[in-house]
Amino acid sequence: MENRTAITVKATVNAPVEKVWEFWNNPEHIKGWAFASPEWHAPKAENDLRKDGKFSTTMAAKDGSMSFDFGGTYTTVEENKLIEYVLEDGRKVKIVFEADGDQTHITETFDPENMNPIEMQQGGWQAILDNYKTYTEEN
């Protein structure tokens, strides 16, 4: 298996870190943003936000043609600062939240999978992060 470099996506959200953290982790909010395009939605989300806690979000096409569960286990949780987890397929993800007054910088780094091109994976994760930013700023 080829060794692939981790992928990074970023966003600056116009909201304080406490709100950013709440909207990132509360299952009711997760259902409002955890998808890459308007044709998709997240009908189900569960989140046990603590070390060794598990999370799962169902991402599905609104027309019912496709769906999958995105889930894993937390390895590090530092409130308003850092989340690290391991996906069910063993890939690692790290999300850093940097408070900056009424803005929060989010940097998300993840191990790529081997099925899709890097650009496609980066684009998909960035689209979800952009969706999160829009949802958080508008609610």
Protein backbone atom coordinates (compact mmCIF):
# COMPACT_ATOMS: atom_id res chain seq x y z
CA MET A 1 0.00 0.00 0.00
CA GLU A 2 1.41 3.36 -0.97
CA ASN A 3 2.05 5.84 1.81
CA ARG A 4 -0.10 8.89 1.19
CA THR A 5 0.46 12.24 2.80
CA ALA A 6 -2.22 13.58 5.13
CA ILE A 7 -4.68 16.07 3.64
CA THR A 8 -5.50 19.41 5.29
CA VAL A 9 -8.62 21.55 4.92
CA LYS A 10 -9.20 24.89 6.67
CA ALA A 11 -11.89 27.44 7.38
CA THR A 12 -12.30 30.59 9.43
CA VAL A 13 -15.73 30.75 11.03
CA ASN A 14 -17.16 34.10 12.07
CA ALA A 15 -18.24 32.90 15.50
CA PRO A 16 -16.60 32.51 18.93
CA VAL A 17 -14.98 29.17 19.69
CA GLU A 18 -17.65 28.14 22.23
CA LYS A 19 -20.35 28.31 19.55
CA VAL A 20 -18.10 26.68 16.96
CA TRP A 21 -17.42 23.79 19.36
CA GLU A 22 -21.14 23.38 20.19
CA PHE A 23 -22.19 23.39 16.53
CA TRP A 24 -19.39 20.97 15.61
CA ASN A 25 -20.28 18.42 18.30
CA ASN A 26 -24.00 18.63 19.10
CA PRO A 27 -25.82 15.88 17.12
CA GLU A 28 -28.78 18.19 16.40
CA HIS A 29 -26.37 20.63 14.73
CA ILE A 30 -24.30 17.90 13.05
CA LYS A 31 -27.46 16.91 11.16
CA GLY A 32 -27.58 20.48 9.82
CA TRP A 33 -24.17 20.52 8.14
CA ALA A 34 -22.47 17.11 7.82
CA PHE A 35 -22.79 16.66 4.07
CA ALA A 36 -20.96 17.99 1.02
CA SER A 37 -23.79 19.14 -1.28
CA PRO A 38 -27.45 20.22 -1.14
CA GLU A 39 -28.57 16.88 -2.63
CA TRP A 40 -27.37 15.16 0.55
CA HIS A 41 -28.38 15.33 4.20
CA ALA A 42 -27.42 13.79 7.55
CA PRO A 43 -30.58 12.13 8.91
CA LYS A 44 -28.86 10.59 11.94
CA ALA A 45 -25.98 11.65 14.21
CA GLU A 46 -24.70 10.27 17.51
CA ASN A 47 -21.74 11.70 19.39
CA ASP A 48 -20.14 10.58 22.66
CA LEU A 49 -17.50 13.33 22.86
CA ARG A 50 -14.82 11.97 25.21
CA LYS A 51 -11.65 9.91 24.96
CA ASP A 52 -12.64 6.40 23.79
CA GLY A 53 -16.16 7.69 23.02
CA LYS A 54 -17.67 6.82 19.67
CA PHE A 55 -19.46 8.88 17.06
CA SER A 56 -21.47 8.06 13.97
CA THR A 57 -23.14 10.26 11.37
CA THR A 58 -25.30 8.88 8.58
CA MET A 59 -24.75 10.80 5.34
CA ALA A 60 -27.38 10.10 2.70
CA ALA A 61 -28.57 11.26 -0.70
CA LYS A 62 -31.97 12.91 -0.29
CA ASP A 63 -33.36 10.77 -3.12
CA GLY A 64 -32.46 7.63 -1.14
CA SER A 65 -30.04 6.33 -3.78
CA MET A 66 -27.01 6.18 -1.48
CA SER A 67 -26.05 6.43 2.16
CA PHE A 68 -23.12 5.61 4.41
CA ASP A 69 -22.13 5.92 8.05
CA PHE A 70 -19.14 8.07 8.92
CA GLY A 71 -17.86 7.08 12.34
CA GLY A 72 -14.98 6.37 14.62
CA THR A 73 -13.53 6.58 18.12
CA TYR A 74 -12.10 9.65 19.85
CA THR A 75 -8.48 9.46 21.00
CA THR A 76 -8.09 13.08 22.25
CA VAL A 77 -10.68 15.67 23.26
CA GLU A 78 -9.61 19.08 24.59
CA GLU A 79 -12.66 21.33 24.90
CA ASN A 80 -12.68 24.27 22.46
CA LYS A 81 -9.19 23.31 21.23
CA LEU A 82 -8.58 19.86 19.80
CA ILE A 83 -10.32 16.69 18.65
CA GLU A 84 -8.49 13.61 17.41
CA TYR A 85 -10.13 10.38 16.35
CA VAL A 86 -9.58 7.16 14.45
CA LEU A 87 -12.05 6.24 11.73
CA GLU A 88 -13.47 2.73 11.55
CA ASP A 89 -11.03 1.96 8.70
CA GLY A 90 -8.03 2.99 10.87
CA ARG A 91 -7.37 6.41 9.34
CA LYS A 92 -6.55 9.22 11.76
CA VAL A 93 -8.16 12.66 11.86
CA LYS A 94 -7.09 15.76 13.81
CA ILE A 95 -9.14 18.95 14.15
CA VAL A 96 -7.64 22.06 15.73
CA PHE A 97 -9.87 24.94 16.86
CA GLU A 98 -8.07 28.28 17.30
CA ALA A 99 -10.00 31.02 19.06
CA ASP A 100 -9.39 34.49 17.66
CA GLY A 101 -11.91 36.85 19.26
CA ASP A 102 -15.19 36.56 17.36
CA GLN A 103 -13.60 34.23 14.84
CA THR A 104 -12.43 30.65 15.07
CA HIS A 105 -9.88 29.05 12.77
CA ILE A 106 -10.47 25.36 12.11
CA THR A 107 -7.72 23.18 10.66
CA GLU A 108 -8.68 19.59 9.86
CA THR A 109 -6.01 17.06 8.88
CA PHE A 110 -6.85 13.52 7.82
CA ASP A 111 -5.25 10.42 6.35
CA PRO A 112 -6.51 9.82 2.82
CA GLU A 113 -8.18 6.60 1.77
CA ASN A 114 -6.86 4.70 -1.25
CA MET A 115 -9.99 4.57 -3.42
CA ASN A 116 -10.41 8.17 -4.57
CA PRO A 117 -7.96 10.79 -5.86
CA ILE A 118 -6.47 13.13 -3.24
CA GLU A 119 -8.05 16.17 -4.93
CA MET A 120 -11.50 14.58 -4.74
CA GLN A 121 -11.08 13.73 -1.04
CA GLN A 122 -9.78 17.20 -0.22
CA GLY A 123 -12.63 18.75 -2.20
CA GLY A 124 -15.23 16.65 -0.40
CA TRP A 125 -13.92 17.38 3.08
CA GLN A 126 -13.51 21.07 2.25
CA ALA A 127 -17.12 21.18 0.96
CA ILE A 128 -18.37 19.73 4.26
CA LEU A 129 -16.23 22.20 6.23
CA ASP A 130 -17.56 25.09 4.12
CA ASN A 131 -21.10 23.82 4.72
CA TYR A 132 -20.35 23.76 8.46
CA LYS A 133 -19.07 27.36 8.31
CA THR A 134 -22.21 28.57 6.51
CA TYR A 135 -24.56 26.67 8.84
CA THR A 136 -22.82 27.96 11.99
CA GLU A 137 -22.71 31.58 10.82
CA GLU A 138 -26.39 31.56 9.80
CA ASN A 139 -27.78 29.93 12.97
